Amino acid sequence: MLATQTTGAPGATPILIAHGLFGSARNWGAIAKRLSEDREVTAVDMRNHGASPRDPDHSYPALAGDLAGVIDGRADVIGHSMGGKAAMALALLHPEKVRRLVVADIAPAAYGHTQMPLIEAMQGVDLAAVETRRDADRQLAEGVEDRGVRAFLLQSLDVKGRAWRLNLDALADQMPLILGWPEIAGSFDGPTLFLTGGESDYVQPEHRAAIRDHFPAARFAKLPNAGHWLHADAPEAFADTVRAFLDR
């Protein structure tokens, strides 16, 4: 069973949040709080992340099965990036579990970039020499120039335990599957929102056909001043847009 963080109280349809690669439930605390005024909101640590179980299989059908196991009945599901692909797979493979779906800045498509340099940078940190988060940041800076990216990655470092809260070996091994998209037949006919960042290039016009094939009721919205991490770049606009869609 996945590790979870739950806020709010039971009321309307509960919300489930699935984070992206290298993320955690904790990353979504502010959004969960904004959405929990009249709902119970549960954010998960995906497998191989945070406090959730480690597993060599990081395929999207496996991740979808994990999410299905957390949902009691039906939920409105929000997924970002890797979590968005897992949420799409959940809706396609376990449609009885999903009422409404929000896919944040990702498409049902294979991507050509890789996150291996970030994994290699984390693996290159000499954890035995780490006394403080600043120590780790100095080491990580040798392979990761962007301070914001380093800060994000370091949220998954257990400084006292001198360990990453990520199964880096499994994520590296499964990177082709993480970047890809499995062949899943059928469609999810429920209401679906594809919410993108205006400054992100993850969802392109050429992805629309695949989106429509799998999600014929898809709607599209864009947050103009946000990038790929749109929930962090524009949290208020993200929460307001999602709430308006889920409350319909």
C-alpha atoms as a PDB file:
ATOM      1  CA  MET A   1       0.000   0.000   0.000  1.00  0.00           C
ATOM      2  CA  LEU A   2       1.254   3.454  -0.868  1.00  0.00           C
ATOM      3  CA  ALA A   3       2.164   5.943   1.848  1.00  0.00           C
ATOM      4  CA  THR A   4      -0.386   8.752   1.947  1.00  0.00           C
ATOM      5  CA  GLN A   5      -1.053  12.163   3.470  1.00  0.00           C
ATOM      6  CA  THR A   6      -4.711  13.072   3.946  1.00  0.00           C
ATOM      7  CA  THR A   7      -6.284  16.415   4.772  1.00  0.00           C
ATOM      8  CA  GLY A   8      -9.841  17.708   4.970  1.00  0.00           C
ATOM      9  CA  ALA A   9     -12.979  15.834   5.948  1.00  0.00           C
ATOM     10  CA  PRO A  10     -15.261  13.456   4.058  1.00  0.00           C
ATOM     11  CA  GLY A  11     -17.911  15.308   2.106  1.00  0.00           C
ATOM     12  CA  ALA A  12     -18.111  15.455  -1.660  1.00  0.00           C
ATOM     13  CA  THR A  13     -16.179  13.012  -3.840  1.00  0.00           C
ATOM     14  CA  PRO A  14     -12.666  12.593  -2.387  1.00  0.00           C
ATOM     15  CA  ILE A  15      -9.607  13.744  -4.314  1.00  0.00           C
ATOM     16  CA  LEU A  16      -6.470  11.693  -4.968  1.00  0.00           C
ATOM     17  CA  ILE A  17      -3.219  13.400  -6.011  1.00  0.00           C
ATOM     18  CA  ALA A  18      -0.347  11.602  -7.792  1.00  0.00           C
ATOM     19  CA  HIS A  19       2.960  13.501  -7.948  1.00  0.00           C
ATOM     20  CA  GLY A  20       5.622  13.509 -10.639  1.00  0.00           C
ATOM     21  CA  LEU A  21       9.080  11.961 -10.884  1.00  0.00           C
ATOM     22  CA  PHE A  22      11.302  12.645  -7.831  1.00  0.00           C
ATOM     23  CA  GLY A  23       8.324  14.208  -6.035  1.00  0.00           C
ATOM     24  CA  SER A  24       6.331  13.231  -2.967  1.00  0.00           C
ATOM     25  CA  ALA A  25       2.991  13.756  -1.289  1.00  0.00           C
ATOM     26  CA  ARG A  26       4.585  16.527   0.756  1.00  0.00           C
ATOM     27  CA  ASN A  27       5.200  18.583  -2.397  1.00  0.00           C
ATOM     28  CA  TRP A  28       1.427  18.858  -2.794  1.00  0.00           C
ATOM     29  CA  GLY A  29       0.570  19.955   0.741  1.00  0.00           C
ATOM     30  CA  ALA A  30      -0.365  23.527  -0.191  1.00  0.00           C
ATOM     31  CA  ILE A  31      -2.586  22.426  -3.078  1.00  0.00           C
ATOM     32  CA  ALA A  32      -4.213  19.711  -0.968  1.00  0.00           C
ATOM     33  CA  LYS A  33      -5.040  22.280   1.708  1.00  0.00           C
ATOM     34  CA  ARG A  34      -6.603  24.624  -0.873  1.00  0.00           C
ATOM     35  CA  LEU A  35      -8.784  21.814  -2.232  1.00  0.00           C
ATOM     36  CA  SER A  36      -9.826  20.340   1.116  1.00  0.00           C
ATOM     37  CA  GLU A  37     -12.402  22.891   2.268  1.00  0.00           C
ATOM     38  CA  ASP A  38     -15.281  20.495   1.615  1.00  0.00           C
ATOM     39  CA  ARG A  39     -13.498  17.328   0.551  1.00  0.00           C
ATOM     40  CA  GLU A  40     -11.043  14.768   1.786  1.00  0.00           C
ATOM     41  CA  VAL A  41      -7.813  15.088  -0.210  1.00  0.00           C
ATOM     42  CA  THR A  42      -5.226  12.320  -0.233  1.00  0.00           C
ATOM     43  CA  ALA A  43      -1.781  12.778  -1.753  1.00  0.00           C
ATOM     44  CA  VAL A  44       0.328   9.675  -2.231  1.00  0.00           C
ATOM     45  CA  ASP A  45       4.001   8.858  -2.355  1.00  0.00           C
ATOM     46  CA  MET A  46       4.263   6.913  -5.606  1.00  0.00           C
ATOM     47  CA  ARG A  47       6.149   3.614  -5.462  1.00  0.00           C
ATOM     48  CA  ASN A  48       9.932   4.060  -5.304  1.00  0.00           C
ATOM     49  CA  HIS A  49       9.369   7.528  -3.815  1.00  0.00           C
ATOM     50  CA  GLY A  50       9.108   8.822  -0.266  1.00  0.00           C
ATOM     51  CA  ALA A  51       7.826   6.328   2.285  1.00  0.00           C
ATOM     52  CA  SER A  52       6.129   4.028  -0.243  1.00  0.00           C
ATOM     53  CA  PRO A  53       7.366   0.515  -1.062  1.00  0.00           C
ATOM     54  CA  ARG A  54      10.314  -0.093  -3.366  1.00  0.00           C
ATOM     55  CA  ASP A  55       9.691  -2.224  -6.440  1.00  0.00           C
ATOM     56  CA  PRO A  56      11.741  -2.988  -9.567  1.00  0.00           C
ATOM     57  CA  ASP A  57       8.610  -2.566 -11.719  1.00  0.00           C
ATOM     58  CA  HIS A  58       7.857   1.101 -12.360  1.00  0.00           C
ATOM     59  CA  SER A  59       5.552   0.611 -15.342  1.00  0.00           C
ATOM     60  CA  TYR A  60       2.414   2.701 -15.655  1.00  0.00           C
ATOM     61  CA  PRO A  61       0.020  -0.256 -15.340  1.00  0.00           C
ATOM     62  CA  ALA A  62       1.762  -1.082 -12.046  1.00  0.00           C
ATOM     63  CA  LEU A  63       1.507   2.520 -10.861  1.00  0.00           C
ATOM     64  CA  ALA A  64      -2.160   2.578 -11.870  1.00  0.00           C
ATOM     65  CA  GLY A  65      -2.752  -0.532  -9.789  1.00  0.00           C
ATOM     66  CA  ASP A  66      -1.161   1.187  -6.796  1.00  0.00           C
ATOM     67  CA  LEU A  67      -3.508   4.153  -7.158  1.00  0.00           C
ATOM     68  CA  ALA A  68      -6.532   1.889  -7.547  1.00  0.00           C
ATOM     69  CA  GLY A  69      -5.590   0.228  -4.270  1.00  0.00           C
ATOM     70  CA  VAL A  70      -5.754   3.553  -2.430  1.00  0.00           C
ATOM     71  CA  ILE A  71      -9.207   4.542  -3.706  1.00  0.00           C
ATOM     72  CA  ASP A  72     -12.208   3.314  -1.739  1.00  0.00           C
ATOM     73  CA  GLY A  73     -15.071   3.578  -4.198  1.00  0.00           C
ATOM     74  CA  ARG A  74     -14.503   6.472  -6.611  1.00  0.00           C
ATOM     75  CA  ALA A  75     -12.372   9.585  -6.519  1.00  0.00           C
ATOM     76  CA  ASP A  76     -11.528  12.660  -8.514  1.00  0.00           C
ATOM     77  CA  VAL A  77      -7.915  12.110  -9.539  1.00  0.00           C
ATOM     78  CA  ILE A  78      -5.190  14.693 -10.169  1.00  0.00           C
ATOM     79  CA  GLY A  79      -1.875  13.588 -11.643  1.00  0.00           C
ATOM     80  CA  HIS A  80       1.173  15.646 -12.594  1.00  0.00           C
ATOM     81  CA  SER A  81       3.798  14.569 -15.139  1.00  0.00           C
ATOM     82  CA  MET A  82       4.715  10.961 -14.266  1.00  0.00           C
ATOM     83  CA  GLY A  83       1.748  10.978 -11.900  1.00  0.00           C
ATOM     84  CA  GLY A  84      -0.392  12.284 -14.743  1.00  0.00           C
ATOM     85  CA  LYS A  85       0.536   9.296 -16.878  1.00  0.00           C
ATOM     86  CA  ALA A  86      -0.212   6.997 -13.947  1.00  0.00           C
ATOM     87  CA  ALA A  87      -3.570   8.744 -13.469  1.00  0.00           C
ATOM     88  CA  MET A  88      -4.400   8.334 -17.164  1.00  0.00           C
ATOM     89  CA  ALA A  89      -3.506   4.645 -16.963  1.00  0.00           C
ATOM     90  CA  LEU A  90      -5.705   4.354 -13.862  1.00  0.00           C
ATOM     91  CA  ALA A  91      -8.672   5.890 -15.694  1.00  0.00           C
ATOM     92  CA  LEU A  92      -8.178   3.596 -18.695  1.00  0.00           C
ATOM     93  CA  LEU A  93      -7.542   0.379 -16.764  1.00  0.00           C
ATOM     94  CA  HIS A  94      -9.765   0.994 -13.710  1.00  0.00           C
ATOM     95  CA  PRO A  95     -12.441   3.451 -14.929  1.00  0.00           C
ATOM     96  CA  GLU A  96     -14.786   2.490 -12.114  1.00  0.00           C
ATOM     97  CA  LYS A  97     -12.350   4.194  -9.705  1.00  0.00           C
ATOM     98  CA  VAL A  98     -12.356   7.611 -11.380  1.00  0.00           C
ATOM     99  CA  ARG A  99     -15.163  10.178 -11.495  1.00  0.00           C
ATOM    100  CA  ARG A 100     -13.259  13.161 -12.915  1.00  0.00           C
ATOM    101  CA  LEU A 101      -9.638  13.314 -14.049  1.00  0.00           C
ATOM    102  CA  VAL A 102      -7.145  16.192 -14.093  1.00  0.00           C
ATOM    103  CA  VAL A 103      -3.930  15.619 -16.048  1.00  0.00           C
ATOM    104  CA  ALA A 104      -1.325  18.282 -15.286  1.00  0.00           C
ATOM    105  CA  ASP A 105       1.185  19.098 -18.026  1.00  0.00           C
ATOM    106  CA  ILE A 106       1.677  15.710 -19.649  1.00  0.00           C
ATOM    107  CA  ALA A 107       0.216  13.777 -22.576  1.00  0.00           C
ATOM    108  CA  PRO A 108      -0.340  10.068 -23.307  1.00  0.00           C
ATOM    109  CA  ALA A 109       2.831   9.996 -25.375  1.00  0.00           C
ATOM    110  CA  ALA A 110       6.487   8.994 -25.293  1.00  0.00           C
ATOM    111  CA  TYR A 111       9.012  11.762 -24.619  1.00  0.00           C
ATOM    112  CA  GLY A 112      12.528  12.020 -26.004  1.00  0.00           C
ATOM    113  CA  HIS A 113      14.256  13.746 -23.102  1.00  0.00           C
ATOM    114  CA  THR A 114      15.774  11.925 -20.144  1.00  0.00           C
ATOM    115  CA  GLN A 115      16.105  12.553 -16.431  1.00  0.00           C
ATOM    116  CA  MET A 116      19.170  10.338 -16.093  1.00  0.00           C
ATOM    117  CA  PRO A 117      21.550  13.277 -15.456  1.00  0.00           C
ATOM    118  CA  LEU A 118      19.555  14.127 -12.322  1.00  0.00           C
ATOM    119  CA  ILE A 119      19.666  10.531 -11.122  1.00  0.00           C
ATOM    120  CA  GLU A 120      23.402  10.371 -11.767  1.00  0.00           C
ATOM    121  CA  ALA A 121      23.901  13.642  -9.892  1.00  0.00           C
ATOM    122  CA  MET A 122      22.016  12.290  -6.870  1.00  0.00           C
ATOM    123  CA  GLN A 123      23.896   9.008  -7.017  1.00  0.00           C
ATOM    124  CA  GLY A 124      27.138  10.988  -7.132  1.00  0.00           C
ATOM    125  CA  VAL A 125      26.548  12.676  -3.779  1.00  0.00           C
ATOM    126  CA  ASP A 126      28.865  11.276  -1.098  1.00  0.00           C
ATOM    127  CA  LEU A 127      26.207  10.807   1.557  1.00  0.00           C
ATOM    128  CA  ALA A 128      28.771   9.805   4.181  1.00  0.00           C
ATOM    129  CA  ALA A 129      30.157  13.347   3.980  1.00  0.00           C
ATOM    130  CA  VAL A 130      26.768  15.027   4.345  1.00  0.00           C
ATOM    131  CA  GLU A 131      26.135  16.689   7.706  1.00  0.00           C
ATOM    132  CA  THR A 132      23.641  19.306   6.529  1.00  0.00           C
ATOM    133  CA  ARG A 133      21.385  19.884   3.536  1.00  0.00           C
ATOM    134  CA  ARG A 134      23.802  22.621   2.474  1.00  0.00           C
ATOM    135  CA  ASP A 135      26.585  20.030   2.259  1.00  0.00           C
ATOM    136  CA  ALA A 136      24.467  17.970  -0.102  1.00  0.00           C
ATOM    137  CA  ASP A 137      23.521  21.050  -2.119  1.00  0.00           C
ATOM    138  CA  ARG A 138      27.180  21.916  -2.677  1.00  0.00           C
ATOM    139  CA  GLN A 139      27.872  18.425  -3.982  1.00  0.00           C
ATOM    140  CA  LEU A 140      24.720  18.318  -6.078  1.00  0.00           C
ATOM    141  CA  ALA A 141      25.626  21.667  -7.671  1.00  0.00           C
ATOM    142  CA  GLU A 142      28.479  19.942  -9.498  1.00  0.00           C
ATOM    143  CA  GLY A 143      25.930  18.178 -11.702  1.00  0.00           C
ATOM    144  CA  VAL A 144      22.798  20.326 -11.340  1.00  0.00           C
ATOM    145  CA  GLU A 145      23.229  24.041 -12.005  1.00  0.00           C
ATOM    146  CA  ASP A 146      19.626  25.118 -11.434  1.00  0.00           C
ATOM    147  CA  ARG A 147      19.178  26.042  -7.769  1.00  0.00           C
ATOM    148  CA  GLY A 148      15.424  25.466  -7.904  1.00  0.00           C
ATOM    149  CA  VAL A 149      15.858  21.952  -9.273  1.00  0.00           C
ATOM    150  CA  ARG A 150      18.420  21.195  -6.561  1.00  0.00           C
ATOM    151  CA  ALA A 151      16.024  22.437  -3.886  1.00  0.00           C
ATOM    152  CA  PHE A 152      13.299  20.204  -5.302  1.00  0.00           C
ATOM    153  CA  LEU A 153      15.557  17.133  -5.360  1.00  0.00           C
ATOM    154  CA  LEU A 154      16.867  17.811  -1.862  1.00  0.00           C
ATOM    155  CA  GLN A 155      13.339  17.557  -0.479  1.00  0.00           C
ATOM    156  CA  SER A 156      13.819  13.816  -1.012  1.00  0.00           C
ATOM    157  CA  LEU A 157      17.034  13.636   1.009  1.00  0.00           C
ATOM    158  CA  ASP A 158      16.957  12.237   4.536  1.00  0.00           C
ATOM    159  CA  VAL A 159      19.904  14.163   5.957  1.00  0.00           C
ATOM    160  CA  LYS A 160      19.972  12.399   9.331  1.00  0.00           C
ATOM    161  CA  GLY A 161      19.628   9.001   7.706  1.00  0.00           C
ATOM    162  CA  ARG A 162      22.061   9.984   4.947  1.00  0.00           C
ATOM    163  CA  ALA A 163      19.851   8.399   2.315  1.00  0.00           C
ATOM    164  CA  TRP A 164      17.683   9.416  -0.598  1.00  0.00           C
ATOM    165  CA  ARG A 165      13.952   8.762  -0.183  1.00  0.00           C
ATOM    166  CA  LEU A 166      14.015   7.537  -3.778  1.00  0.00           C
ATOM    167  CA  ASN A 167      14.808   4.154  -5.294  1.00  0.00           C
ATOM    168  CA  LEU A 168      17.300   5.664  -7.713  1.00  0.00           C
ATOM    169  CA  ASP A 169      18.457   2.318  -9.102  1.00  0.00           C
ATOM    170  CA  ALA A 170      14.918   1.261 -10.040  1.00  0.00           C
ATOM    171  CA  LEU A 171      14.061   4.670 -11.485  1.00  0.00           C
ATOM    172  CA  ALA A 172      17.209   4.587 -13.611  1.00  0.00           C
ATOM    173  CA  ASP A 173      16.476   1.069 -14.814  1.00  0.00           C
ATOM    174  CA  GLN A 174      12.870   1.923 -15.643  1.00  0.00           C
ATOM    175  CA  MET A 175      13.539   5.336 -17.206  1.00  0.00           C
ATOM    176  CA  PRO A 176      12.507   4.165 -20.718  1.00  0.00           C
ATOM    177  CA  LEU A 177       9.109   3.134 -19.314  1.00  0.00           C
ATOM    178  CA  ILE A 178       8.749   6.362 -17.337  1.00  0.00           C
ATOM    179  CA  LEU A 179       9.408   8.464 -20.428  1.00  0.00           C
ATOM    180  CA  GLY A 180       7.268   6.224 -22.613  1.00  0.00           C
ATOM    181  CA  TRP A 181       3.579   5.441 -22.764  1.00  0.00           C
ATOM    182  CA  PRO A 182       2.181   1.894 -22.683  1.00  0.00           C
ATOM    183  CA  GLU A 183      -0.148   0.469 -25.280  1.00  0.00           C
ATOM    184  CA  ILE A 184      -3.502   0.604 -23.498  1.00  0.00           C
ATOM    185  CA  ALA A 185      -6.639  -0.038 -25.498  1.00  0.00           C
ATOM    186  CA  GLY A 186      -9.939   1.709 -24.939  1.00  0.00           C
ATOM    187  CA  SER A 187     -10.967   5.078 -23.632  1.00  0.00           C
ATOM    188  CA  PHE A 188     -12.140   6.849 -20.493  1.00  0.00           C
ATOM    189  CA  ASP A 189     -15.401   8.653 -21.173  1.00  0.00           C
ATOM    190  CA  GLY A 190     -15.527  10.647 -17.950  1.00  0.00           C
ATOM    191  CA  PRO A 191     -14.845  14.379 -17.701  1.00  0.00           C
ATOM    192  CA  THR A 192     -11.122  15.034 -18.110  1.00  0.00           C
ATOM    193  CA  LEU A 193      -9.141  18.271 -17.880  1.00  0.00           C
ATOM    194  CA  PHE A 194      -5.711  18.600 -19.459  1.00  0.00           C
ATOM    195  CA  LEU A 195      -4.195  21.548 -17.605  1.00  0.00           C
ATOM    196  CA  THR A 196      -0.893  22.856 -18.942  1.00  0.00           C
ATOM    197  CA  GLY A 197       1.654  25.541 -18.170  1.00  0.00           C
ATOM    198  CA  GLY A 198       1.824  28.315 -20.728  1.00  0.00           C
ATOM    199  CA  GLU A 199       5.618  28.290 -20.551  1.00  0.00           C
ATOM    200  CA  SER A 200       5.903  24.494 -20.797  1.00  0.00           C
ATOM    201  CA  ASP A 201       6.374  22.488 -23.984  1.00  0.00           C
ATOM    202  CA  TYR A 202       5.304  19.102 -22.622  1.00  0.00           C
ATOM    203  CA  VAL A 203       1.883  19.080 -24.309  1.00  0.00           C
ATOM    204  CA  GLN A 204       1.970  19.892 -28.015  1.00  0.00           C
ATOM    205  CA  PRO A 205      -0.758  20.227 -30.678  1.00  0.00           C
ATOM    206  CA  GLU A 206       0.316  16.896 -32.154  1.00  0.00           C
ATOM    207  CA  HIS A 207      -0.657  15.203 -28.882  1.00  0.00           C
ATOM    208  CA  ARG A 208      -4.321  16.190 -29.265  1.00  0.00           C
ATOM    209  CA  ALA A 209      -5.240  13.183 -31.427  1.00  0.00           C
ATOM    210  CA  ALA A 210      -3.984  10.658 -28.864  1.00  0.00           C
ATOM    211  CA  ILE A 211      -5.654  12.614 -26.085  1.00  0.00           C
ATOM    212  CA  ARG A 212      -8.988  12.597 -27.912  1.00  0.00           C
ATOM    213  CA  ASP A 213      -8.660   8.883 -28.709  1.00  0.00           C
ATOM    214  CA  HIS A 214      -8.234   7.945 -25.057  1.00  0.00           C
ATOM    215  CA  PHE A 215     -10.215  10.775 -23.450  1.00  0.00           C
ATOM    216  CA  PRO A 216     -13.048  11.845 -25.780  1.00  0.00           C
ATOM    217  CA  ALA A 217     -14.528  14.203 -23.171  1.00  0.00           C
ATOM    218  CA  ALA A 218     -11.215  16.027 -22.692  1.00  0.00           C
ATOM    219  CA  ARG A 219     -11.161  19.748 -22.052  1.00  0.00           C
ATOM    220  CA  PHE A 220      -8.066  21.921 -22.181  1.00  0.00           C
ATOM    221  CA  ALA A 221      -6.911  24.841 -20.056  1.00  0.00           C
ATOM    222  CA  LYS A 222      -3.633  26.713 -19.711  1.00  0.00           C
ATOM    223  CA  LEU A 223      -2.024  28.696 -16.895  1.00  0.00           C
ATOM    224  CA  PRO A 224      -0.192  31.428 -18.830  1.00  0.00           C
ATOM    225  CA  ASN A 225       2.639  32.253 -16.429  1.00  0.00           C
ATOM    226  CA  ALA A 226       3.459  28.709 -15.336  1.00  0.00           C
ATOM    227  CA  GLY A 227       5.974  26.141 -16.500  1.00  0.00           C
ATOM    228  CA  HIS A 228       5.980  22.368 -16.150  1.00  0.00           C
ATOM    229  CA  TRP A 229       5.695  22.582 -12.340  1.00  0.00           C
ATOM    230  CA  LEU A 230       2.525  24.616 -12.758  1.00  0.00           C
ATOM    231  CA  HIS A 231       1.159  23.770  -9.309  1.00  0.00           C
ATOM    232  CA  ALA A 232       4.272  25.339  -7.764  1.00  0.00           C
ATOM    233  CA  ASP A 233       4.537  28.258 -10.205  1.00  0.00           C
ATOM    234  CA  ALA A 234       0.881  29.303  -9.911  1.00  0.00           C
ATOM    235  CA  PRO A 235      -0.646  27.491  -6.918  1.00  0.00           C
ATOM    236  CA  GLU A 236      -3.687  29.740  -6.508  1.00  0.00           C
ATOM    237  CA  ALA A 237      -4.604  29.656 -10.200  1.00  0.00           C
ATOM    238  CA  PHE A 238      -3.962  25.914 -10.312  1.00  0.00           C
ATOM    239  CA  ALA A 239      -6.194  25.208  -7.314  1.00  0.00           C
ATOM    240  CA  ASP A 240      -8.951  27.549  -8.529  1.00  0.00           C
ATOM    241  CA  THR A 241      -8.977  25.998 -12.010  1.00  0.00           C
ATOM    242  CA  VAL A 242      -9.009  22.457 -10.668  1.00  0.00           C
ATOM    243  CA  ARG A 243     -11.714  23.211  -8.108  1.00  0.00           C
ATOM    244  CA  ALA A 244     -13.958  24.818 -10.736  1.00  0.00           C
ATOM    245  CA  PHE A 245     -13.618  21.741 -12.943  1.00  0.00           C
ATOM    246  CA  LEU A 246     -14.146  19.185 -10.180  1.00  0.00           C
ATOM    247  CA  ASP A 247     -17.155  21.003  -8.718  1.00  0.00           C
ATOM    248  CA  ARG A 248     -19.136  20.931 -11.974  1.00  0.00           C
END
